[in-house]
Amino acid sequence: MPLRFMLSSRFCLLSSVLFLFSAFHQSAAAADQVFDELRFGTSASINGGGAHESGIFPSATIYFDPLSSGDAATWKEAILEPRIYLGASVGVGDGVDQIYGGFSWTADITDRLFVELGLGGTVHNGDVAQNGGNGPNLGCRLLFREQVAIGYRVTGNWQILATADHSSHANLCDGPNDGLTHAGLAVGYKF
């Protein structure tokens, strides 16, 4: 596949995601503040050996809070009231593009320091079969996705995060299961 086509299709993917985020934000502003946070980041593969992806992975993620998780009075309520997220990452180089979503829980350590855990799924455009090429062999298109972050609230709206995520099929479909594992940094803006 020509490099120009690959780059333009990845640009279109990220542009489409950003357009959808903008549309969600405009409709959420008119609604009862369901739209909670917009986050941009970049990460790199931390897989070893032949499953390593070169390049970086710019990402954009939108968080919704339809259950008002920020109003939870106890940890039990917080568990039952996760935020919902949708996002995309684009692999620059030989990396895998992903569109992902799931549920996210946040626990405050202090007023400014917090940890976050997310569970969900991802759809990707990586190799699913053992093909002997570079990069991970993933076995199937739909993968489970877990993410973890530690963050710091710089202001009431802005936060920075150190992030890590892992995607694999947990040996539930035929084929290889190299998985995708990334670590990086992100900046979030809470509305």
N, C-alpha and C. Protein backbone atom coordinates (compact mmCIF):
# COMPACT_ATOMS: atom_id res chain seq x y z
N MET A 1 0.85 -1.16 0.00
CA MET A 1 0.00 0.00 0.00
C MET A 1 0.90 1.23 0.00
N PRO A 2 0.68 2.19 -0.86
CA PRO A 2 1.53 3.37 -0.93
C PRO A 2 1.48 4.18 0.37
N LEU A 3 2.62 4.74 0.75
CA LEU A 3 2.75 5.50 1.98
C LEU A 3 1.79 6.70 1.99
N ARG A 4 1.65 7.38 0.85
CA ARG A 4 0.76 8.55 0.77
C ARG A 4 -0.68 8.16 1.12
N PHE A 5 -1.15 7.00 0.61
CA PHE A 5 -2.51 6.54 0.90
C PHE A 5 -2.66 6.20 2.37
N MET A 6 -1.66 5.52 2.94
CA MET A 6 -1.72 5.15 4.35
C MET A 6 -1.78 6.38 5.24
N LEU A 7 -0.95 7.37 4.96
CA LEU A 7 -0.94 8.58 5.78
C LEU A 7 -2.24 9.36 5.62
N SER A 8 -2.76 9.45 4.40
CA SER A 8 -4.01 10.21 4.21
C SER A 8 -5.18 9.48 4.86
N SER A 9 -5.22 8.14 4.83
CA SER A 9 -6.31 7.42 5.47
C SER A 9 -6.22 7.55 6.99
N ARG A 10 -5.03 7.56 7.54
CA ARG A 10 -4.88 7.75 8.98
C ARG A 10 -5.26 9.16 9.37
N PHE A 11 -4.89 10.14 8.54
CA PHE A 11 -5.27 11.52 8.82
C PHE A 11 -6.79 11.65 8.78
N CYS A 12 -7.43 11.00 7.82
CA CYS A 12 -8.89 11.04 7.72
C CYS A 12 -9.53 10.40 8.95
N LEU A 13 -8.96 9.30 9.44
CA LEU A 13 -9.48 8.63 10.63
C LEU A 13 -9.42 9.57 11.82
N LEU A 14 -8.27 10.17 12.08
CA LEU A 14 -8.13 11.06 13.23
C LEU A 14 -9.00 12.31 13.05
N SER A 15 -9.09 12.85 11.84
CA SER A 15 -9.94 14.02 11.58
C SER A 15 -11.40 13.69 11.83
N SER A 16 -11.83 12.50 11.43
CA SER A 16 -13.21 12.08 11.65
C SER A 16 -13.51 11.96 13.14
N VAL A 17 -12.59 11.40 13.88
CA VAL A 17 -12.78 11.27 15.32
C VAL A 17 -12.89 12.65 15.96
N LEU A 18 -12.00 13.57 15.58
CA LEU A 18 -12.05 14.92 16.14
C LEU A 18 -13.34 15.63 15.77
N PHE A 19 -13.82 15.42 14.53
CA PHE A 19 -15.09 16.00 14.12
C PHE A 19 -16.24 15.46 14.98
N LEU A 20 -16.24 14.14 15.22
CA LEU A 20 -17.27 13.55 16.07
C LEU A 20 -17.19 14.10 17.48
N PHE A 21 -15.96 14.27 18.00
CA PHE A 21 -15.80 14.85 19.34
C PHE A 21 -16.42 16.23 19.38
N SER A 22 -16.17 17.03 18.35
CA SER A 22 -16.71 18.39 18.29
C SER A 22 -18.24 18.35 18.26
N ALA A 23 -18.79 17.46 17.48
CA ALA A 23 -20.25 17.34 17.39
C ALA A 23 -20.84 16.90 18.73
N PHE A 24 -20.17 15.93 19.40
CA PHE A 24 -20.63 15.50 20.71
C PHE A 24 -20.57 16.66 21.70
N HIS A 25 -19.51 17.45 21.63
CA HIS A 25 -19.35 18.57 22.56
C HIS A 25 -20.47 19.59 22.36
N GLN A 26 -20.78 19.92 21.11
CA GLN A 26 -21.83 20.90 20.85
C GLN A 26 -23.18 20.40 21.34
N SER A 27 -23.49 19.12 21.13
CA SER A 27 -24.77 18.60 21.60
C SER A 27 -24.77 18.46 23.12
N ALA A 28 -23.61 18.13 23.72
CA ALA A 28 -23.53 18.01 25.17
C ALA A 28 -23.64 19.36 25.84
N ALA A 29 -23.12 20.41 25.21
CA ALA A 29 -23.22 21.75 25.79
C ALA A 29 -24.68 22.17 25.89
N ALA A 30 -25.46 21.77 24.91
CA ALA A 30 -26.88 22.10 24.93
C ALA A 30 -27.63 21.20 25.91
N ALA A 31 -27.10 20.00 26.16
CA ALA A 31 -27.74 19.08 27.10
C ALA A 31 -27.25 19.38 28.51
N ASP A 32 -27.41 18.42 29.39
CA ASP A 32 -27.12 18.61 30.80
C ASP A 32 -25.69 18.19 31.13
N GLN A 33 -24.70 18.71 30.45
CA GLN A 33 -23.27 18.47 30.67
C GLN A 33 -22.92 16.99 30.78
N VAL A 34 -23.32 16.18 29.83
CA VAL A 34 -22.95 14.78 29.79
C VAL A 34 -21.50 14.65 29.35
N PHE A 35 -21.07 15.54 28.47
CA PHE A 35 -19.68 15.56 27.99
C PHE A 35 -18.80 16.02 29.14
N ASP A 36 -17.81 15.22 29.53
CA ASP A 36 -17.04 15.50 30.73
C ASP A 36 -15.61 15.94 30.48
N GLU A 37 -14.92 15.31 29.53
CA GLU A 37 -13.50 15.59 29.34
C GLU A 37 -13.07 15.27 27.91
N LEU A 38 -12.13 16.05 27.41
CA LEU A 38 -11.48 15.80 26.13
C LEU A 38 -10.00 15.63 26.42
N ARG A 39 -9.41 14.55 25.94
CA ARG A 39 -8.02 14.22 26.25
C ARG A 39 -7.24 13.94 24.98
N PHE A 40 -6.05 14.55 24.88
CA PHE A 40 -5.13 14.30 23.78
C PHE A 40 -3.83 13.76 24.35
N GLY A 41 -3.24 12.79 23.66
CA GLY A 41 -2.01 12.21 24.16
C GLY A 41 -1.16 11.64 23.06
N THR A 42 -0.04 11.12 23.46
CA THR A 42 0.83 10.38 22.56
C THR A 42 1.51 9.28 23.36
N SER A 43 1.74 8.17 22.70
CA SER A 43 2.35 7.03 23.38
C SER A 43 3.28 6.32 22.41
N ALA A 44 3.99 5.33 22.95
CA ALA A 44 4.90 4.51 22.16
C ALA A 44 4.72 3.06 22.59
N SER A 45 5.04 2.14 21.70
CA SER A 45 4.94 0.71 21.99
C SER A 45 6.01 0.31 23.00
N ILE A 46 5.60 -0.49 23.98
CA ILE A 46 6.57 -1.05 24.91
C ILE A 46 6.60 -2.58 24.81
N ASN A 47 6.02 -3.11 23.71
CA ASN A 47 6.13 -4.55 23.42
C ASN A 47 7.57 -4.88 23.09
N GLY A 48 8.00 -6.07 23.40
CA GLY A 48 9.34 -6.51 23.07
C GLY A 48 9.37 -7.37 21.82
N GLY A 49 10.55 -7.58 21.28
CA GLY A 49 10.77 -8.49 20.16
C GLY A 49 10.02 -8.10 18.90
N GLY A 50 9.51 -9.11 18.19
CA GLY A 50 8.83 -8.89 16.92
C GLY A 50 7.47 -8.23 17.06
N ALA A 51 6.94 -8.13 18.29
CA ALA A 51 5.64 -7.49 18.51
C ALA A 51 5.77 -5.99 18.72
N HIS A 52 6.98 -5.46 18.71
CA HIS A 52 7.20 -4.03 18.91
C HIS A 52 6.75 -3.25 17.67
N GLU A 53 6.06 -2.13 17.89
CA GLU A 53 5.64 -1.23 16.82
C GLU A 53 6.54 0.00 16.85
N SER A 54 7.05 0.40 15.71
CA SER A 54 7.87 1.61 15.69
C SER A 54 6.96 2.83 15.56
N GLY A 55 7.50 3.99 15.86
CA GLY A 55 6.74 5.23 15.71
C GLY A 55 6.01 5.60 16.98
N ILE A 56 5.20 6.65 16.88
CA ILE A 56 4.41 7.12 18.00
C ILE A 56 2.94 6.96 17.68
N PHE A 57 2.11 7.16 18.70
CA PHE A 57 0.67 6.94 18.57
C PHE A 57 -0.09 8.13 19.15
N PRO A 58 -0.34 9.17 18.31
CA PRO A 58 -1.19 10.26 18.78
C PRO A 58 -2.60 9.73 19.03
N SER A 59 -3.25 10.26 20.06
CA SER A 59 -4.59 9.78 20.40
C SER A 59 -5.48 10.93 20.84
N ALA A 60 -6.77 10.71 20.71
CA ALA A 60 -7.78 11.64 21.20
C ALA A 60 -8.89 10.80 21.81
N THR A 61 -9.33 11.19 23.00
CA THR A 61 -10.36 10.44 23.72
C THR A 61 -11.36 11.42 24.31
N ILE A 62 -12.62 11.05 24.22
CA ILE A 62 -13.69 11.85 24.81
C ILE A 62 -14.32 11.04 25.94
N TYR A 63 -14.57 11.70 27.05
CA TYR A 63 -15.18 11.06 28.22
C TYR A 63 -16.56 11.65 28.45
N PHE A 64 -17.50 10.78 28.76
CA PHE A 64 -18.87 11.16 29.09
C PHE A 64 -19.13 10.75 30.53
N ASP A 65 -19.98 11.48 31.21
CA ASP A 65 -20.31 11.15 32.59
C ASP A 65 -21.84 11.14 32.78
N PRO A 66 -22.53 10.24 32.10
CA PRO A 66 -23.99 10.25 32.19
C PRO A 66 -24.50 9.81 33.57
N LEU A 67 -23.65 9.13 34.35
CA LEU A 67 -24.07 8.64 35.66
C LEU A 67 -23.62 9.56 36.79
N SER A 68 -23.01 10.71 36.45
CA SER A 68 -22.53 11.69 37.43
C SER A 68 -21.59 11.05 38.44
N SER A 69 -20.55 10.38 37.94
CA SER A 69 -19.60 9.69 38.81
C SER A 69 -18.87 10.64 39.75
N GLY A 70 -18.71 11.90 39.36
CA GLY A 70 -18.05 12.86 40.22
C GLY A 70 -18.84 13.20 41.47
N ASP A 71 -20.13 12.84 41.49
CA ASP A 71 -20.98 13.12 42.65
C ASP A 71 -21.09 11.94 43.60
N ALA A 72 -20.37 10.85 43.34
CA ALA A 72 -20.45 9.66 44.19
C ALA A 72 -19.94 9.98 45.60
N ALA A 73 -20.73 9.60 46.60
CA ALA A 73 -20.36 9.89 47.99
C ALA A 73 -19.47 8.81 48.60
N THR A 74 -19.60 7.58 48.13
CA THR A 74 -18.80 6.47 48.69
C THR A 74 -18.08 5.75 47.56
N TRP A 75 -17.10 4.93 47.92
CA TRP A 75 -16.37 4.17 46.90
C TRP A 75 -17.29 3.16 46.22
N LYS A 76 -18.29 2.65 46.93
CA LYS A 76 -19.24 1.71 46.32
C LYS A 76 -20.05 2.39 45.22
N GLU A 77 -20.49 3.62 45.50
CA GLU A 77 -21.21 4.38 44.48
C GLU A 77 -20.31 4.68 43.29
N ALA A 78 -19.04 5.01 43.57
CA ALA A 78 -18.10 5.32 42.49
C ALA A 78 -17.89 4.12 41.57
N ILE A 79 -17.87 2.92 42.11
CA ILE A 79 -17.71 1.71 41.29
C ILE A 79 -18.92 1.52 40.38
N LEU A 80 -20.09 1.85 40.88
CA LEU A 80 -21.32 1.66 40.10
C LEU A 80 -21.60 2.81 39.14
N GLU A 81 -20.76 3.87 39.17
CA GLU A 81 -20.99 5.04 38.33
C GLU A 81 -19.74 5.41 37.53
N PRO A 82 -19.31 4.54 36.61
CA PRO A 82 -18.11 4.86 35.82
C PRO A 82 -18.40 5.91 34.75
N ARG A 83 -17.33 6.52 34.26
CA ARG A 83 -17.46 7.36 33.07
C ARG A 83 -17.35 6.45 31.85
N ILE A 84 -17.86 6.91 30.73
CA ILE A 84 -17.78 6.18 29.47
C ILE A 84 -16.82 6.93 28.57
N TYR A 85 -15.94 6.20 27.86
CA TYR A 85 -15.00 6.87 26.96
C TYR A 85 -15.02 6.25 25.57
N LEU A 86 -14.72 7.09 24.58
CA LEU A 86 -14.54 6.69 23.18
C LEU A 86 -13.29 7.40 22.68
N GLY A 87 -12.47 6.70 21.93
CA GLY A 87 -11.26 7.34 21.43
C GLY A 87 -10.66 6.62 20.24
N ALA A 88 -9.58 7.19 19.77
CA ALA A 88 -8.85 6.62 18.65
C ALA A 88 -7.38 6.96 18.79
N SER A 89 -6.54 6.04 18.33
CA SER A 89 -5.10 6.32 18.24
C SER A 89 -4.65 5.94 16.84
N VAL A 90 -3.73 6.72 16.33
CA VAL A 90 -3.23 6.52 14.98
C VAL A 90 -1.76 6.14 15.08
N GLY A 91 -1.39 5.02 14.48
CA GLY A 91 0.00 4.57 14.49
C GLY A 91 0.80 5.27 13.40
N VAL A 92 1.79 6.04 13.81
CA VAL A 92 2.70 6.67 12.86
C VAL A 92 3.88 5.73 12.71
N GLY A 93 4.29 5.43 11.50
CA GLY A 93 5.29 4.39 11.26
C GLY A 93 4.57 3.11 10.91
N ASP A 94 5.02 1.99 11.48
CA ASP A 94 4.34 0.72 11.19
C ASP A 94 3.35 0.35 12.28
N GLY A 95 2.88 1.33 13.04
CA GLY A 95 1.97 1.09 14.16
C GLY A 95 0.57 0.76 13.72
N VAL A 96 -0.19 0.23 14.65
CA VAL A 96 -1.57 -0.20 14.44
C VAL A 96 -2.51 0.93 14.85
N ASP A 97 -3.49 1.25 14.00
CA ASP A 97 -4.53 2.21 14.31
C ASP A 97 -5.62 1.51 15.13
N GLN A 98 -6.22 2.26 16.08
CA GLN A 98 -7.26 1.68 16.92
C GLN A 98 -8.41 2.67 17.12
N ILE A 99 -9.60 2.13 17.25
CA ILE A 99 -10.76 2.86 17.74
C ILE A 99 -11.22 2.08 18.95
N TYR A 100 -11.36 2.76 20.09
CA TYR A 100 -11.61 2.04 21.34
C TYR A 100 -12.68 2.73 22.18
N GLY A 101 -13.19 2.01 23.15
CA GLY A 101 -14.17 2.55 24.08
C GLY A 101 -14.32 1.66 25.27
N GLY A 102 -14.97 2.18 26.30
CA GLY A 102 -15.18 1.39 27.51
C GLY A 102 -15.63 2.23 28.68
N PHE A 103 -15.33 1.72 29.87
CA PHE A 103 -15.70 2.36 31.12
C PHE A 103 -14.44 2.74 31.89
N SER A 104 -14.52 3.86 32.62
CA SER A 104 -13.36 4.38 33.33
C SER A 104 -13.75 4.76 34.76
N TRP A 105 -12.88 4.40 35.71
CA TRP A 105 -13.07 4.74 37.11
C TRP A 105 -11.88 5.56 37.59
N THR A 106 -12.15 6.60 38.39
CA THR A 106 -11.11 7.47 38.91
C THR A 106 -11.15 7.44 40.44
N ALA A 107 -9.96 7.34 41.06
CA ALA A 107 -9.83 7.39 42.51
C ALA A 107 -8.85 8.49 42.87
N ASP A 108 -9.28 9.41 43.71
CA ASP A 108 -8.42 10.50 44.15
C ASP A 108 -7.47 10.02 45.23
N ILE A 109 -6.19 10.37 45.08
CA ILE A 109 -5.19 10.11 46.12
C ILE A 109 -5.10 11.35 47.01
N THR A 110 -5.03 12.52 46.38
CA THR A 110 -5.12 13.81 47.06
C THR A 110 -6.10 14.66 46.26
N ASP A 111 -6.20 15.96 46.60
CA ASP A 111 -7.07 16.85 45.83
C ASP A 111 -6.60 16.97 44.38
N ARG A 112 -5.30 16.84 44.15
CA ARG A 112 -4.75 17.02 42.80
C ARG A 112 -4.29 15.71 42.15
N LEU A 113 -3.83 14.76 42.90
CA LEU A 113 -3.28 13.51 42.38
C LEU A 113 -4.36 12.43 42.34
N PHE A 114 -4.44 11.70 41.23
CA PHE A 114 -5.46 10.66 41.10
C PHE A 114 -4.95 9.50 40.25
N VAL A 115 -5.61 8.37 40.35
CA VAL A 115 -5.34 7.22 39.49
C VAL A 115 -6.63 6.89 38.74
N GLU A 116 -6.46 6.28 37.58
CA GLU A 116 -7.60 5.96 36.73
C GLU A 116 -7.42 4.56 36.17
N LEU A 117 -8.51 3.82 36.09
CA LEU A 117 -8.52 2.48 35.52
C LEU A 117 -9.63 2.43 34.48
N GLY A 118 -9.34 1.88 33.31
CA GLY A 118 -10.35 1.75 32.26
C GLY A 118 -10.39 0.34 31.71
N LEU A 119 -11.60 -0.15 31.42
CA LEU A 119 -11.80 -1.47 30.83
C LEU A 119 -12.75 -1.33 29.66
N GLY A 120 -12.41 -1.98 28.54
CA GLY A 120 -13.27 -1.89 27.37
C GLY A 120 -12.77 -2.77 26.25
N GLY A 121 -12.93 -2.26 25.02
CA GLY A 121 -12.52 -3.01 23.84
C GLY A 121 -11.99 -2.08 22.77
N THR A 122 -11.35 -2.67 21.77
CA THR A 122 -10.79 -1.91 20.66
C THR A 122 -10.97 -2.68 19.36
N VAL A 123 -11.10 -1.95 18.28
CA VAL A 123 -11.08 -2.49 16.93
C VAL A 123 -9.84 -1.91 16.27
N HIS A 124 -9.08 -2.72 15.55
CA HIS A 124 -7.79 -2.28 15.02
C HIS A 124 -7.61 -2.71 13.57
N ASN A 125 -6.56 -2.18 12.92
CA ASN A 125 -6.27 -2.54 11.54
C ASN A 125 -4.94 -3.29 11.42
N GLY A 126 -4.47 -3.90 12.52
CA GLY A 126 -3.21 -4.64 12.51
C GLY A 126 -3.35 -6.02 11.90
N ASP A 127 -2.23 -6.74 11.83
CA ASP A 127 -2.21 -8.10 11.29
C ASP A 127 -2.89 -9.05 12.27
N VAL A 128 -3.76 -9.91 11.73
CA VAL A 128 -4.44 -10.88 12.58
C VAL A 128 -3.84 -12.28 12.45
N ALA A 129 -3.09 -12.54 11.40
CA ALA A 129 -2.52 -13.86 11.17
C ALA A 129 -1.01 -13.82 11.34
N GLN A 130 -0.45 -14.97 11.59
CA GLN A 130 1.01 -15.10 11.69
C GLN A 130 1.57 -14.95 10.28
N ASN A 131 2.14 -13.77 9.98
CA ASN A 131 2.59 -13.53 8.62
C ASN A 131 4.09 -13.39 8.48
N GLY A 132 4.81 -13.45 9.59
CA GLY A 132 6.27 -13.37 9.53
C GLY A 132 6.80 -11.96 9.34
N GLY A 133 5.93 -10.95 9.29
CA GLY A 133 6.37 -9.56 9.11
C GLY A 133 6.69 -8.90 10.44
N ASN A 134 6.99 -7.62 10.36
CA ASN A 134 7.26 -6.85 11.57
C ASN A 134 5.96 -6.49 12.26
N GLY A 135 6.03 -6.28 13.54
CA GLY A 135 4.87 -5.84 14.30
C GLY A 135 4.09 -7.00 14.88
N PRO A 136 3.11 -6.67 15.72
CA PRO A 136 2.36 -7.71 16.41
C PRO A 136 1.38 -8.45 15.51
N ASN A 137 1.19 -9.72 15.80
CA ASN A 137 0.15 -10.54 15.19
C ASN A 137 -0.95 -10.69 16.24
N LEU A 138 -2.16 -10.27 15.91
CA LEU A 138 -3.16 -10.04 16.94
C LEU A 138 -4.31 -11.04 16.99
N GLY A 139 -4.42 -11.93 16.02
CA GLY A 139 -5.40 -13.00 16.09
C GLY A 139 -6.81 -12.67 15.67
N CYS A 140 -7.35 -11.54 16.05
CA CYS A 140 -8.70 -11.14 15.64
C CYS A 140 -8.83 -9.62 15.69
N ARG A 141 -9.83 -9.09 15.02
CA ARG A 141 -10.02 -7.63 14.90
C ARG A 141 -10.46 -6.96 16.20
N LEU A 142 -11.28 -7.63 16.97
CA LEU A 142 -11.82 -7.06 18.20
C LEU A 142 -11.02 -7.59 19.38
N LEU A 143 -10.48 -6.67 20.19
CA LEU A 143 -9.65 -7.05 21.33
C LEU A 143 -10.19 -6.42 22.61
N PHE A 144 -9.90 -7.05 23.74
CA PHE A 144 -10.14 -6.42 25.02
C PHE A 144 -9.09 -5.32 25.20
N ARG A 145 -9.43 -4.28 25.95
CA ARG A 145 -8.47 -3.18 26.17
C ARG A 145 -8.56 -2.72 27.62
N GLU A 146 -7.40 -2.67 28.27
CA GLU A 146 -7.31 -2.15 29.63
C GLU A 146 -6.40 -0.94 29.60
N GLN A 147 -6.70 0.04 30.43
CA GLN A 147 -5.84 1.21 30.52
C GLN A 147 -5.70 1.63 31.97
N VAL A 148 -4.56 2.21 32.29
CA VAL A 148 -4.30 2.72 33.63
C VAL A 148 -3.57 4.05 33.47
N ALA A 149 -3.82 4.98 34.39
CA ALA A 149 -3.16 6.28 34.33
C ALA A 149 -2.98 6.81 35.75
N ILE A 150 -1.96 7.61 35.90
CA ILE A 150 -1.80 8.40 37.11
C ILE A 150 -1.76 9.84 36.64
N GLY A 151 -2.57 10.68 37.29
CA GLY A 151 -2.73 12.04 36.80
C GLY A 151 -2.55 13.08 37.87
N TYR A 152 -2.35 14.30 37.41
CA TYR A 152 -2.18 15.45 38.29
C TYR A 152 -3.05 16.58 37.75
N ARG A 153 -3.93 17.12 38.60
CA ARG A 153 -4.79 18.24 38.23
C ARG A 153 -4.00 19.54 38.37
N VAL A 154 -3.64 20.13 37.26
CA VAL A 154 -2.87 21.38 37.26
C VAL A 154 -3.77 22.53 37.69
N THR A 155 -4.98 22.57 37.16
CA THR A 155 -6.00 23.55 37.54
C THR A 155 -7.32 22.79 37.69
N GLY A 156 -8.40 23.52 37.87
CA GLY A 156 -9.71 22.88 37.96
C GLY A 156 -10.13 22.22 36.66
N ASN A 157 -9.57 22.68 35.53
CA ASN A 157 -9.94 22.11 34.23
C ASN A 157 -8.83 21.27 33.60
N TRP A 158 -7.57 21.64 33.76
CA TRP A 158 -6.47 20.99 33.06
C TRP A 158 -5.80 19.93 33.93
N GLN A 159 -5.47 18.81 33.31
CA GLN A 159 -4.74 17.75 33.99
C GLN A 159 -3.75 17.10 33.05
N ILE A 160 -2.67 16.57 33.62
CA ILE A 160 -1.68 15.82 32.85
C ILE A 160 -1.64 14.40 33.41
N LEU A 161 -1.38 13.44 32.52
CA LEU A 161 -1.43 12.04 32.93
C LEU A 161 -0.28 11.24 32.32
N ALA A 162 0.23 10.30 33.08
CA ALA A 162 1.11 9.25 32.56
C ALA A 162 0.20 8.05 32.33
N THR A 163 0.23 7.49 31.13
CA THR A 163 -0.75 6.47 30.75
C THR A 163 -0.07 5.18 30.30
N ALA A 164 -0.80 4.09 30.41
CA ALA A 164 -0.39 2.80 29.85
C ALA A 164 -1.66 2.06 29.44
N ASP A 165 -1.60 1.33 28.33
CA ASP A 165 -2.76 0.53 27.90
C ASP A 165 -2.27 -0.77 27.28
N HIS A 166 -3.12 -1.77 27.35
CA HIS A 166 -2.82 -3.09 26.78
C HIS A 166 -4.08 -3.63 26.13
N SER A 167 -3.92 -4.20 24.93
CA SER A 167 -5.03 -4.81 24.21
C SER A 167 -4.63 -6.20 23.77
N SER A 168 -5.52 -7.17 23.95
CA SER A 168 -5.29 -8.54 23.47
C SER A 168 -6.63 -9.26 23.44
N HIS A 169 -6.63 -10.48 22.88
CA HIS A 169 -7.89 -11.22 22.84
C HIS A 169 -7.97 -12.26 23.95
N ALA A 170 -7.01 -12.27 24.88
CA ALA A 170 -7.03 -13.15 26.06
C ALA A 170 -7.18 -14.62 25.67
N ASN A 171 -6.63 -14.99 24.51
CA ASN A 171 -6.67 -16.36 24.00
C ASN A 171 -8.10 -16.88 23.80
N LEU A 172 -9.03 -15.97 23.49
CA LEU A 172 -10.41 -16.36 23.25
C LEU A 172 -10.74 -16.52 21.78
N CYS A 173 -9.81 -16.19 20.88
CA CYS A 173 -10.03 -16.48 19.46
C CYS A 173 -8.78 -17.17 18.93
N ASP A 174 -8.94 -17.83 17.79
CA ASP A 174 -7.82 -18.56 17.20
C ASP A 174 -6.75 -17.60 16.73
N GLY A 175 -5.55 -18.09 16.62
CA GLY A 175 -4.48 -17.28 16.07
C GLY A 175 -3.57 -16.70 17.14
N PRO A 176 -2.56 -15.97 16.68
CA PRO A 176 -1.57 -15.41 17.60
C PRO A 176 -2.17 -14.34 18.51
N ASN A 177 -1.48 -14.08 19.61
CA ASN A 177 -1.98 -13.10 20.57
C ASN A 177 -0.80 -12.27 21.11
N ASP A 178 -0.10 -11.57 20.20
CA ASP A 178 1.03 -10.74 20.63
C ASP A 178 0.58 -9.56 21.48
N GLY A 179 -0.61 -9.04 21.23
CA GLY A 179 -1.12 -7.91 21.98
C GLY A 179 -0.50 -6.59 21.58
N LEU A 180 -1.11 -5.51 22.03
CA LEU A 180 -0.62 -4.15 21.83
C LEU A 180 -0.43 -3.55 23.21
N THR A 181 0.75 -3.02 23.49
CA THR A 181 1.02 -2.41 24.78
C THR A 181 1.73 -1.09 24.56
N HIS A 182 1.17 -0.02 25.12
CA HIS A 182 1.71 1.33 24.93
C HIS A 182 1.83 2.05 26.26
N ALA A 183 2.75 3.00 26.33
CA ALA A 183 2.89 3.90 27.47
C ALA A 183 3.12 5.30 26.92
N GLY A 184 2.62 6.32 27.63
CA GLY A 184 2.78 7.67 27.11
C GLY A 184 2.31 8.74 28.07
N LEU A 185 2.06 9.91 27.52
CA LEU A 185 1.60 11.08 28.26
C LEU A 185 0.35 11.64 27.60
N ALA A 186 -0.51 12.26 28.41
CA ALA A 186 -1.73 12.87 27.88
C ALA A 186 -2.04 14.14 28.64
N VAL A 187 -2.78 15.02 27.97
CA VAL A 187 -3.29 16.26 28.56
C VAL A 187 -4.80 16.20 28.44
N GLY A 188 -5.50 16.46 29.53
CA GLY A 188 -6.95 16.43 29.52
C GLY A 188 -7.54 17.77 29.91
N TYR A 189 -8.68 18.09 29.33
CA TYR A 189 -9.42 19.29 29.70
C TYR A 189 -10.81 18.85 30.15
N LYS A 190 -11.12 19.08 31.44
CA LYS A 190 -12.44 18.74 31.99
C LYS A 190 -13.37 19.94 31.86
N PHE A 191 -14.58 19.68 31.41
CA PHE A 191 -15.58 20.74 31.23
C PHE A 191 -16.45 20.88 32.46
